[in-house]
Amino acid sequence: MFKKIINVLIDQPFLTSLYVADLAILLLHKPPFIFSLVMMSALIGMSMYYGQKLALFKSN
């Protein structure tokens, strides 16, 4: 499972770098409120994309 996650992150380097940078800015800095909302929505969108791409928990 860990290898599958790493492979998906390596296959999408631009989105992975955006995801990591977005998360780091939100965790380590205090951005303005509106900018923070935009970044949080982008983070949620990328998380949903990676969730669909990985599909770790497939139901039959």
N, C-alpha and C. Protein backbone atom coordinates (compact mmCIF):
# COMPACT_ATOMS: atom_id res chain seq x y z
N MET A 1 0.82 -1.19 0.00
CA MET A 1 0.00 0.00 0.00
C MET A 1 0.87 1.25 0.00
N PHE A 2 1.94 1.26 0.80
CA PHE A 2 2.83 2.42 0.86
C PHE A 2 3.52 2.65 -0.47
N LYS A 3 3.89 1.55 -1.15
CA LYS A 3 4.54 1.67 -2.46
C LYS A 3 3.58 2.26 -3.49
N LYS A 4 2.30 1.91 -3.41
CA LYS A 4 1.30 2.45 -4.33
C LYS A 4 1.15 3.95 -4.14
N ILE A 5 1.15 4.41 -2.90
CA ILE A 5 1.03 5.85 -2.61
C ILE A 5 2.24 6.60 -3.16
N ILE A 6 3.43 6.08 -2.93
CA ILE A 6 4.65 6.72 -3.41
C ILE A 6 4.66 6.78 -4.93
N ASN A 7 4.23 5.70 -5.59
CA ASN A 7 4.20 5.69 -7.06
C ASN A 7 3.25 6.72 -7.63
N VAL A 8 2.09 6.89 -7.01
CA VAL A 8 1.13 7.89 -7.49
C VAL A 8 1.69 9.29 -7.28
N LEU A 9 2.34 9.53 -6.14
CA LEU A 9 2.92 10.85 -5.88
C LEU A 9 4.06 11.16 -6.85
N ILE A 10 4.84 10.16 -7.20
CA ILE A 10 5.95 10.37 -8.14
C ILE A 10 5.42 10.57 -9.56
N ASP A 11 4.31 9.91 -9.91
CA ASP A 11 3.74 10.06 -11.25
C ASP A 11 3.15 11.44 -11.48
N GLN A 12 2.78 12.15 -10.43
CA GLN A 12 2.18 13.48 -10.53
C GLN A 12 3.06 14.50 -9.79
N PRO A 13 4.26 14.83 -10.30
CA PRO A 13 5.18 15.67 -9.52
C PRO A 13 4.68 17.10 -9.30
N PHE A 14 3.97 17.67 -10.27
CA PHE A 14 3.49 19.05 -10.12
C PHE A 14 2.42 19.13 -9.04
N LEU A 15 1.45 18.23 -9.09
CA LEU A 15 0.40 18.23 -8.07
C LEU A 15 0.95 17.88 -6.69
N THR A 16 1.92 16.99 -6.64
CA THR A 16 2.52 16.63 -5.36
C THR A 16 3.25 17.82 -4.75
N SER A 17 3.99 18.56 -5.55
CA SER A 17 4.70 19.72 -5.02
C SER A 17 3.72 20.80 -4.58
N LEU A 18 2.63 21.00 -5.33
CA LEU A 18 1.60 21.95 -4.90
C LEU A 18 0.97 21.51 -3.59
N TYR A 19 0.69 20.23 -3.46
CA TYR A 19 0.08 19.69 -2.24
C TYR A 19 0.98 19.90 -1.03
N VAL A 20 2.25 19.58 -1.18
CA VAL A 20 3.20 19.71 -0.07
C VAL A 20 3.41 21.17 0.30
N ALA A 21 3.56 22.04 -0.70
CA ALA A 21 3.77 23.46 -0.43
C ALA A 21 2.53 24.08 0.21
N ASP A 22 1.36 23.72 -0.27
CA ASP A 22 0.11 24.23 0.30
C ASP A 22 -0.04 23.80 1.75
N LEU A 23 0.22 22.54 2.02
CA LEU A 23 0.12 22.04 3.39
C LEU A 23 1.13 22.71 4.31
N ALA A 24 2.35 22.90 3.83
CA ALA A 24 3.39 23.53 4.64
C ALA A 24 3.04 24.99 4.95
N ILE A 25 2.53 25.71 3.96
CA ILE A 25 2.16 27.11 4.21
C ILE A 25 1.03 27.20 5.21
N LEU A 26 0.04 26.32 5.08
CA LEU A 26 -1.08 26.37 6.02
C LEU A 26 -0.66 25.97 7.43
N LEU A 27 0.28 25.05 7.55
CA LEU A 27 0.69 24.59 8.87
C LEU A 27 1.71 25.52 9.53
N LEU A 28 2.61 26.11 8.76
CA LEU A 28 3.74 26.83 9.35
C LEU A 28 3.58 28.35 9.34
N HIS A 29 2.65 28.87 8.56
CA HIS A 29 2.48 30.32 8.48
C HIS A 29 1.05 30.68 8.81
N LYS A 30 0.81 31.95 8.99
CA LYS A 30 -0.54 32.45 9.27
C LYS A 30 -0.97 33.31 8.08
N PRO A 31 -1.47 32.68 6.98
CA PRO A 31 -1.89 33.48 5.82
C PRO A 31 -3.19 34.23 6.13
N PRO A 32 -3.51 35.25 5.35
CA PRO A 32 -4.79 35.95 5.52
C PRO A 32 -5.97 34.99 5.35
N PHE A 33 -7.11 35.37 5.92
CA PHE A 33 -8.25 34.47 6.00
C PHE A 33 -8.75 34.02 4.62
N ILE A 34 -8.96 34.93 3.71
CA ILE A 34 -9.50 34.58 2.39
C ILE A 34 -8.50 33.69 1.63
N PHE A 35 -7.23 34.05 1.69
CA PHE A 35 -6.19 33.24 1.04
C PHE A 35 -6.14 31.85 1.67
N SER A 36 -6.33 31.80 2.98
CA SER A 36 -6.34 30.52 3.68
C SER A 36 -7.51 29.65 3.23
N LEU A 37 -8.67 30.26 3.03
CA LEU A 37 -9.82 29.50 2.54
C LEU A 37 -9.58 28.94 1.14
N VAL A 38 -8.98 29.75 0.28
CA VAL A 38 -8.67 29.29 -1.08
C VAL A 38 -7.67 28.14 -1.04
N MET A 39 -6.65 28.29 -0.22
CA MET A 39 -5.65 27.22 -0.10
C MET A 39 -6.24 25.95 0.49
N MET A 40 -7.13 26.10 1.48
CA MET A 40 -7.75 24.92 2.08
C MET A 40 -8.66 24.21 1.08
N SER A 41 -9.38 24.97 0.26
CA SER A 41 -10.22 24.33 -0.75
C SER A 41 -9.37 23.63 -1.81
N ALA A 42 -8.24 24.21 -2.17
CA ALA A 42 -7.33 23.54 -3.11
C ALA A 42 -6.77 22.26 -2.50
N LEU A 43 -6.45 22.31 -1.22
CA LEU A 43 -5.93 21.13 -0.53
C LEU A 43 -6.98 20.02 -0.48
N ILE A 44 -8.21 20.38 -0.22
CA ILE A 44 -9.29 19.39 -0.20
C ILE A 44 -9.51 18.81 -1.59
N GLY A 45 -9.47 19.65 -2.61
CA GLY A 45 -9.64 19.17 -3.98
C GLY A 45 -8.54 18.21 -4.39
N MET A 46 -7.30 18.54 -4.05
CA MET A 46 -6.19 17.65 -4.39
C MET A 46 -6.27 16.34 -3.60
N SER A 47 -6.73 16.42 -2.35
CA SER A 47 -6.89 15.21 -1.55
C SER A 47 -7.96 14.29 -2.16
N MET A 48 -9.04 14.90 -2.64
CA MET A 48 -10.09 14.10 -3.28
C MET A 48 -9.57 13.48 -4.57
N TYR A 49 -8.76 14.22 -5.34
CA TYR A 49 -8.19 13.67 -6.57
C TYR A 49 -7.28 12.49 -6.26
N TYR A 50 -6.40 12.66 -5.27
CA TYR A 50 -5.51 11.55 -4.91
C TYR A 50 -6.29 10.38 -4.33
N GLY A 51 -7.37 10.65 -3.62
CA GLY A 51 -8.20 9.56 -3.11
C GLY A 51 -8.81 8.73 -4.22
N GLN A 52 -9.28 9.41 -5.28
CA GLN A 52 -9.83 8.69 -6.43
C GLN A 52 -8.74 7.96 -7.20
N LYS A 53 -7.58 8.60 -7.31
CA LYS A 53 -6.47 8.01 -8.07
C LYS A 53 -5.94 6.75 -7.37
N LEU A 54 -5.86 6.80 -6.03
CA LEU A 54 -5.32 5.67 -5.29
C LEU A 54 -6.35 4.55 -5.12
N ALA A 55 -7.57 4.90 -4.75
CA ALA A 55 -8.64 3.91 -4.50
C ALA A 55 -8.11 2.78 -3.62
N LEU A 56 -7.60 3.13 -2.44
CA LEU A 56 -7.01 2.13 -1.56
C LEU A 56 -8.03 1.16 -1.01
N PHE A 57 -9.24 1.63 -0.78
CA PHE A 57 -10.27 0.78 -0.18
C PHE A 57 -11.38 0.55 -1.19
N LYS A 58 -11.16 -0.43 -2.06
CA LYS A 58 -12.15 -0.75 -3.09
C LYS A 58 -13.22 -1.65 -2.51
N SER A 59 -14.47 -1.33 -2.81
CA SER A 59 -15.57 -2.21 -2.41
C SER A 59 -16.01 -3.05 -3.61
N ASN A 60 -16.36 -4.27 -3.34
CA ASN A 60 -16.72 -5.19 -4.44
C ASN A 60 -18.17 -5.09 -4.77
